[in-house]
Amino acid sequence: MEPIVAVMVGVLMAATVYLMLSRNFVRFIFGLALLSHAANLVIFASGGMTRARPPLIAPGASAPLPGISNAVPQALILTAIVISFSLLTFALVLAFRTYQELETVDTDRMRAAEPSSAGAAADAEQRAVD
């Protein structure tokens, strides 16, 4: 089962690189989401994967039986899913507001909103005077 997950992580990472190298800001955000899913799969695979053997400790035992998966990575993934969902939601709202203000999702055209170097130098001089 681990080789299948490893191939899946590779596919997700390839798609992530493709999306994040795009000039489109929305594609970048979806690449960021895929990156978090790939990281979750890596953490999940690191805890071990077994079939029909839940990571439970038998009553009276001090440790789980050998050969079962670790429950800590699964708990970490649950937390990471919630955090990545909130990050994705924030990033999508940010992209929407950026599109409303700049009327573009092309990252190269978004640079027009940055101050020019002459304007930045004038702002720095003004702050030094104040």
N, C-alpha and C. Protein backbone atom coordinates (compact mmCIF):
# COMPACT_ATOMS: atom_id res chain seq x y z
N MET A 1 0.81 -1.20 0.00
CA MET A 1 0.00 0.00 0.00
C MET A 1 0.86 1.27 0.00
N GLU A 2 2.02 1.22 0.68
CA GLU A 2 2.88 2.40 0.72
C GLU A 2 3.40 2.82 -0.65
N PRO A 3 3.75 1.88 -1.55
CA PRO A 3 4.19 2.33 -2.88
C PRO A 3 3.11 3.09 -3.65
N ILE A 4 1.87 2.69 -3.47
CA ILE A 4 0.77 3.40 -4.15
C ILE A 4 0.66 4.82 -3.61
N VAL A 5 0.79 4.96 -2.30
CA VAL A 5 0.73 6.29 -1.69
C VAL A 5 1.92 7.12 -2.13
N ALA A 6 3.09 6.52 -2.24
CA ALA A 6 4.28 7.24 -2.69
C ALA A 6 4.10 7.77 -4.11
N VAL A 7 3.53 6.94 -4.99
CA VAL A 7 3.27 7.39 -6.36
C VAL A 7 2.25 8.52 -6.36
N MET A 8 1.24 8.40 -5.52
CA MET A 8 0.21 9.44 -5.43
C MET A 8 0.80 10.75 -4.93
N VAL A 9 1.70 10.67 -3.96
CA VAL A 9 2.36 11.88 -3.47
C VAL A 9 3.19 12.51 -4.59
N GLY A 10 3.87 11.69 -5.37
CA GLY A 10 4.64 12.20 -6.49
C GLY A 10 3.77 12.90 -7.52
N VAL A 11 2.63 12.32 -7.82
CA VAL A 11 1.70 12.94 -8.78
C VAL A 11 1.18 14.26 -8.23
N LEU A 12 0.81 14.27 -6.95
CA LEU A 12 0.33 15.51 -6.34
C LEU A 12 1.41 16.59 -6.32
N MET A 13 2.65 16.20 -6.04
CA MET A 13 3.73 17.18 -6.03
C MET A 13 4.01 17.72 -7.43
N ALA A 14 3.93 16.86 -8.45
CA ALA A 14 4.13 17.32 -9.82
C ALA A 14 3.02 18.31 -10.21
N ALA A 15 1.79 17.99 -9.84
CA ALA A 15 0.69 18.91 -10.13
C ALA A 15 0.85 20.21 -9.35
N THR A 16 1.36 20.11 -8.14
CA THR A 16 1.60 21.30 -7.32
C THR A 16 2.61 22.22 -7.97
N VAL A 17 3.71 21.65 -8.42
CA VAL A 17 4.76 22.47 -9.07
C VAL A 17 4.20 23.11 -10.33
N TYR A 18 3.45 22.37 -11.12
CA TYR A 18 2.86 22.92 -12.34
C TYR A 18 1.92 24.08 -12.02
N LEU A 19 1.07 23.90 -11.04
CA LEU A 19 0.10 24.94 -10.71
C LEU A 19 0.77 26.16 -10.07
N MET A 20 1.76 25.93 -9.22
CA MET A 20 2.38 27.05 -8.52
C MET A 20 3.31 27.86 -9.42
N LEU A 21 3.77 27.29 -10.52
CA LEU A 21 4.60 28.04 -11.46
C LEU A 21 3.77 28.82 -12.47
N SER A 22 2.47 28.67 -12.42
CA SER A 22 1.59 29.38 -13.32
C SER A 22 1.51 30.85 -12.91
N ARG A 23 1.17 31.70 -13.86
CA ARG A 23 1.03 33.12 -13.56
C ARG A 23 -0.32 33.44 -12.93
N ASN A 24 -1.22 32.50 -12.98
CA ASN A 24 -2.57 32.71 -12.47
C ASN A 24 -2.57 32.55 -10.96
N PHE A 25 -3.07 33.55 -10.26
CA PHE A 25 -3.07 33.55 -8.79
C PHE A 25 -3.98 32.46 -8.23
N VAL A 26 -5.10 32.20 -8.88
CA VAL A 26 -6.03 31.17 -8.41
C VAL A 26 -5.40 29.78 -8.57
N ARG A 27 -4.69 29.55 -9.66
CA ARG A 27 -3.99 28.27 -9.83
C ARG A 27 -2.92 28.10 -8.75
N PHE A 28 -2.26 29.18 -8.40
CA PHE A 28 -1.26 29.12 -7.34
C PHE A 28 -1.90 28.67 -6.03
N ILE A 29 -3.08 29.19 -5.74
CA ILE A 29 -3.77 28.82 -4.50
C ILE A 29 -4.17 27.34 -4.52
N PHE A 30 -4.66 26.86 -5.65
CA PHE A 30 -5.00 25.44 -5.73
C PHE A 30 -3.75 24.56 -5.64
N GLY A 31 -2.63 25.04 -6.16
CA GLY A 31 -1.37 24.32 -5.98
C GLY A 31 -0.96 24.26 -4.53
N LEU A 32 -1.21 25.35 -3.80
CA LEU A 32 -0.92 25.37 -2.36
C LEU A 32 -1.79 24.35 -1.63
N ALA A 33 -3.05 24.22 -2.03
CA ALA A 33 -3.94 23.23 -1.42
C ALA A 33 -3.45 21.81 -1.71
N LEU A 34 -3.03 21.56 -2.95
CA LEU A 34 -2.51 20.24 -3.30
C LEU A 34 -1.23 19.92 -2.52
N LEU A 35 -0.43 20.94 -2.28
CA LEU A 35 0.78 20.75 -1.49
C LEU A 35 0.45 20.26 -0.08
N SER A 36 -0.58 20.84 0.52
CA SER A 36 -0.95 20.41 1.87
C SER A 36 -1.51 18.99 1.85
N HIS A 37 -2.23 18.62 0.79
CA HIS A 37 -2.73 17.25 0.69
C HIS A 37 -1.59 16.25 0.52
N ALA A 38 -0.59 16.61 -0.27
CA ALA A 38 0.56 15.73 -0.45
C ALA A 38 1.32 15.56 0.88
N ALA A 39 1.47 16.65 1.62
CA ALA A 39 2.14 16.56 2.92
C ALA A 39 1.34 15.68 3.88
N ASN A 40 0.02 15.78 3.84
CA ASN A 40 -0.81 14.93 4.69
C ASN A 40 -0.64 13.46 4.34
N LEU A 41 -0.55 13.16 3.06
CA LEU A 41 -0.35 11.76 2.65
C LEU A 41 1.00 11.24 3.12
N VAL A 42 2.03 12.08 3.07
CA VAL A 42 3.35 11.65 3.55
C VAL A 42 3.31 11.37 5.05
N ILE A 43 2.65 12.23 5.80
CA ILE A 43 2.54 12.00 7.25
C ILE A 43 1.74 10.74 7.53
N PHE A 44 0.67 10.54 6.77
CA PHE A 44 -0.17 9.35 6.96
C PHE A 44 0.63 8.08 6.68
N ALA A 45 1.41 8.07 5.61
CA ALA A 45 2.20 6.89 5.26
C ALA A 45 3.32 6.64 6.27
N SER A 46 3.82 7.72 6.89
CA SER A 46 4.90 7.54 7.86
C SER A 46 4.43 6.81 9.12
N GLY A 47 3.15 6.87 9.42
CA GLY A 47 2.62 6.20 10.60
C GLY A 47 2.36 4.73 10.39
N GLY A 48 2.54 4.26 9.18
CA GLY A 48 2.28 2.85 8.89
C GLY A 48 0.84 2.66 8.45
N MET A 49 0.64 1.75 7.52
CA MET A 49 -0.69 1.51 7.00
C MET A 49 -0.98 0.02 7.08
N THR A 50 -2.03 -0.31 7.78
CA THR A 50 -2.43 -1.71 7.91
C THR A 50 -3.92 -1.82 7.61
N ARG A 51 -4.33 -3.01 7.23
CA ARG A 51 -5.74 -3.24 6.95
C ARG A 51 -6.40 -3.96 8.12
N ALA A 52 -7.57 -3.49 8.48
CA ALA A 52 -8.42 -4.14 9.46
C ALA A 52 -7.76 -4.33 10.82
N ARG A 53 -6.79 -3.47 11.13
CA ARG A 53 -6.14 -3.53 12.45
C ARG A 53 -6.10 -2.11 13.00
N PRO A 54 -7.12 -1.72 13.72
CA PRO A 54 -7.16 -0.35 14.22
C PRO A 54 -6.06 -0.10 15.26
N PRO A 55 -5.61 1.13 15.35
CA PRO A 55 -4.54 1.46 16.31
C PRO A 55 -5.09 1.62 17.72
N LEU A 56 -5.56 0.55 18.29
CA LEU A 56 -6.11 0.56 19.64
C LEU A 56 -5.25 -0.29 20.57
N ILE A 57 -5.23 0.10 21.82
CA ILE A 57 -4.51 -0.66 22.83
C ILE A 57 -5.51 -1.54 23.55
N ALA A 58 -5.19 -2.81 23.66
CA ALA A 58 -6.09 -3.76 24.32
C ALA A 58 -6.23 -3.41 25.79
N PRO A 59 -7.38 -3.72 26.40
CA PRO A 59 -7.55 -3.44 27.84
C PRO A 59 -6.51 -4.20 28.66
N GLY A 60 -5.86 -3.47 29.57
CA GLY A 60 -4.85 -4.07 30.42
C GLY A 60 -3.45 -4.04 29.83
N ALA A 61 -3.30 -3.72 28.56
CA ALA A 61 -1.98 -3.66 27.93
C ALA A 61 -1.42 -2.25 28.04
N SER A 62 -0.11 -2.14 28.02
CA SER A 62 0.51 -0.82 28.12
C SER A 62 0.95 -0.28 26.77
N ALA A 63 0.92 -1.11 25.74
CA ALA A 63 1.33 -0.69 24.40
C ALA A 63 0.47 -1.42 23.38
N PRO A 64 0.34 -0.85 22.18
CA PRO A 64 -0.42 -1.54 21.15
C PRO A 64 0.32 -2.79 20.66
N LEU A 65 -0.42 -3.66 20.04
CA LEU A 65 0.19 -4.85 19.46
C LEU A 65 1.16 -4.46 18.36
N PRO A 66 2.22 -5.24 18.15
CA PRO A 66 3.16 -4.91 17.08
C PRO A 66 2.50 -5.08 15.71
N GLY A 67 2.93 -4.23 14.78
CA GLY A 67 2.43 -4.33 13.41
C GLY A 67 1.21 -3.50 13.11
N ILE A 68 0.74 -2.69 14.05
CA ILE A 68 -0.40 -1.84 13.74
C ILE A 68 0.08 -0.42 13.51
N SER A 69 -0.75 0.37 12.88
CA SER A 69 -0.35 1.73 12.54
C SER A 69 -0.35 2.63 13.77
N ASN A 70 0.41 3.70 13.67
CA ASN A 70 0.53 4.67 14.75
C ASN A 70 -0.63 5.66 14.65
N ALA A 71 -1.25 5.99 15.76
CA ALA A 71 -2.40 6.89 15.75
C ALA A 71 -2.02 8.36 15.78
N VAL A 72 -0.80 8.69 16.18
CA VAL A 72 -0.40 10.09 16.29
C VAL A 72 -0.38 10.79 14.93
N PRO A 73 0.20 10.21 13.86
CA PRO A 73 0.13 10.89 12.57
C PRO A 73 -1.31 11.10 12.08
N GLN A 74 -2.19 10.18 12.40
CA GLN A 74 -3.58 10.36 11.98
C GLN A 74 -4.21 11.55 12.69
N ALA A 75 -3.90 11.73 13.96
CA ALA A 75 -4.41 12.88 14.70
C ALA A 75 -3.81 14.18 14.16
N LEU A 76 -2.52 14.15 13.82
CA LEU A 76 -1.89 15.33 13.23
C LEU A 76 -2.54 15.71 11.91
N ILE A 77 -2.89 14.72 11.12
CA ILE A 77 -3.51 14.98 9.83
C ILE A 77 -4.88 15.62 10.01
N LEU A 78 -5.64 15.18 10.98
CA LEU A 78 -6.94 15.80 11.23
C LEU A 78 -6.78 17.28 11.55
N THR A 79 -5.79 17.60 12.36
CA THR A 79 -5.53 19.00 12.68
C THR A 79 -5.06 19.75 11.44
N ALA A 80 -4.20 19.14 10.65
CA ALA A 80 -3.68 19.79 9.45
C ALA A 80 -4.79 20.03 8.42
N ILE A 81 -5.76 19.15 8.35
CA ILE A 81 -6.87 19.34 7.41
C ILE A 81 -7.66 20.59 7.78
N VAL A 82 -7.93 20.77 9.05
CA VAL A 82 -8.68 21.95 9.49
C VAL A 82 -7.88 23.22 9.22
N ILE A 83 -6.60 23.20 9.52
CA ILE A 83 -5.76 24.38 9.29
C ILE A 83 -5.65 24.68 7.80
N SER A 84 -5.44 23.65 6.97
CA SER A 84 -5.31 23.89 5.53
C SER A 84 -6.62 24.37 4.92
N PHE A 85 -7.76 23.92 5.45
CA PHE A 85 -9.04 24.42 4.95
C PHE A 85 -9.20 25.90 5.27
N SER A 86 -8.83 26.30 6.48
CA SER A 86 -8.94 27.72 6.82
C SER A 86 -7.96 28.56 6.01
N LEU A 87 -6.77 28.05 5.75
CA LEU A 87 -5.81 28.76 4.92
C LEU A 87 -6.33 28.88 3.49
N LEU A 88 -6.91 27.81 2.96
CA LEU A 88 -7.45 27.85 1.61
C LEU A 88 -8.60 28.86 1.52
N THR A 89 -9.47 28.88 2.51
CA THR A 89 -10.57 29.83 2.52
C THR A 89 -10.06 31.26 2.56
N PHE A 90 -9.09 31.52 3.41
CA PHE A 90 -8.51 32.87 3.49
C PHE A 90 -7.86 33.26 2.16
N ALA A 91 -7.12 32.33 1.56
CA ALA A 91 -6.44 32.64 0.30
C ALA A 91 -7.43 32.89 -0.83
N LEU A 92 -8.53 32.15 -0.86
CA LEU A 92 -9.55 32.38 -1.90
C LEU A 92 -10.23 33.73 -1.72
N VAL A 93 -10.50 34.11 -0.48
CA VAL A 93 -11.08 35.44 -0.23
C VAL A 93 -10.08 36.52 -0.61
N LEU A 94 -8.82 36.31 -0.30
CA LEU A 94 -7.78 37.26 -0.68
C LEU A 94 -7.69 37.38 -2.21
N ALA A 95 -7.77 36.25 -2.91
CA ALA A 95 -7.73 36.29 -4.37
C ALA A 95 -8.95 37.01 -4.93
N PHE A 96 -10.10 36.79 -4.33
CA PHE A 96 -11.31 37.46 -4.80
C PHE A 96 -11.21 38.97 -4.61
N ARG A 97 -10.74 39.39 -3.43
CA ARG A 97 -10.59 40.83 -3.19
C ARG A 97 -9.52 41.44 -4.10
N THR A 98 -8.47 40.69 -4.35
CA THR A 98 -7.43 41.17 -5.26
C THR A 98 -7.98 41.34 -6.66
N TYR A 99 -8.79 40.38 -7.08
CA TYR A 99 -9.41 40.49 -8.40
C TYR A 99 -10.36 41.68 -8.46
N GLN A 100 -11.10 41.95 -7.40
CA GLN A 100 -12.00 43.09 -7.39
C GLN A 100 -11.24 44.41 -7.48
N GLU A 101 -10.11 44.50 -6.81
CA GLU A 101 -9.35 45.75 -6.80
C GLU A 101 -8.53 45.94 -8.09
N LEU A 102 -7.85 44.87 -8.53
CA LEU A 102 -6.92 45.00 -9.66
C LEU A 102 -7.51 44.54 -10.99
N GLU A 103 -8.64 43.84 -10.94
CA GLU A 103 -9.33 43.30 -12.12
C GLU A 103 -8.45 42.37 -12.93
N THR A 104 -7.61 41.59 -12.25
CA THR A 104 -6.77 40.59 -12.91
C THR A 104 -6.35 39.54 -11.89
N VAL A 105 -6.08 38.34 -12.38
CA VAL A 105 -5.49 37.29 -11.54
C VAL A 105 -4.09 36.92 -12.03
N ASP A 106 -3.61 37.64 -13.04
CA ASP A 106 -2.27 37.42 -13.59
C ASP A 106 -1.26 38.09 -12.65
N THR A 107 -0.34 37.30 -12.10
CA THR A 107 0.59 37.84 -11.11
C THR A 107 1.54 38.87 -11.70
N ASP A 108 1.88 38.76 -12.98
CA ASP A 108 2.75 39.76 -13.59
C ASP A 108 2.04 41.11 -13.71
N ARG A 109 0.77 41.09 -14.02
CA ARG A 109 0.01 42.34 -14.12
C ARG A 109 -0.31 42.91 -12.74
N MET A 110 -0.26 42.07 -11.70
CA MET A 110 -0.49 42.58 -10.35
C MET A 110 0.65 43.46 -9.87
N ARG A 111 1.79 43.34 -10.49
CA ARG A 111 2.94 44.17 -10.09
C ARG A 111 2.67 45.63 -10.37
N ALA A 112 1.70 45.94 -11.21
CA ALA A 112 1.36 47.34 -11.48
C ALA A 112 0.86 48.03 -10.22
N ALA A 113 0.38 47.27 -9.25
CA ALA A 113 -0.12 47.86 -8.01
C ALA A 113 1.01 48.23 -7.06
N GLU A 114 2.23 47.71 -7.31
CA GLU A 114 3.36 48.03 -6.46
C GLU A 114 3.88 49.43 -6.79
N PRO A 115 4.40 50.13 -5.81
CA PRO A 115 4.95 51.46 -6.11
C PRO A 115 6.23 51.32 -6.92
N SER A 116 6.49 52.32 -7.75
CA SER A 116 7.72 52.31 -8.54
C SER A 116 8.91 52.55 -7.62
N SER A 117 10.11 52.31 -8.12
CA SER A 117 11.30 52.49 -7.28
C SER A 117 11.49 53.95 -6.91
N ALA A 118 11.12 54.87 -7.81
CA ALA A 118 11.24 56.30 -7.49
C ALA A 118 10.23 56.67 -6.42
N GLY A 119 9.04 56.13 -6.53
CA GLY A 119 8.01 56.41 -5.53
C GLY A 119 8.38 55.82 -4.19
N ALA A 120 8.99 54.63 -4.18
CA ALA A 120 9.40 53.99 -2.93
C ALA A 120 10.51 54.79 -2.28
N ALA A 121 11.43 55.35 -3.08
CA ALA A 121 12.52 56.16 -2.52
C ALA A 121 11.96 57.44 -1.91
N ALA A 122 10.97 58.03 -2.56
CA ALA A 122 10.35 59.25 -2.02
C ALA A 122 9.62 58.95 -0.72
N ASP A 123 8.96 57.80 -0.66
CA ASP A 123 8.28 57.42 0.59
C ASP A 123 9.28 57.20 1.72
N ALA A 124 10.41 56.58 1.40
CA ALA A 124 11.45 56.35 2.42
C ALA A 124 12.01 57.66 2.94
N GLU A 125 12.22 58.64 2.02
CA GLU A 125 12.71 59.95 2.44
C GLU A 125 11.69 60.66 3.33
N GLN A 126 10.41 60.53 2.96
CA GLN A 126 9.36 61.18 3.75
C GLN A 126 9.31 60.59 5.16
N ARG A 127 9.46 59.26 5.27
CA ARG A 127 9.45 58.62 6.60
C ARG A 127 10.67 59.04 7.41
N ALA A 128 11.80 59.24 6.75
CA ALA A 128 13.02 59.67 7.46
C ALA A 128 12.86 61.06 8.02
N VAL A 129 12.15 61.93 7.29
CA VAL A 129 11.93 63.30 7.75
C VAL A 129 10.98 63.31 8.93
N ASP A 130 9.98 62.45 8.91
CA ASP A 130 8.98 62.41 9.99
C ASP A 130 9.58 61.80 11.18
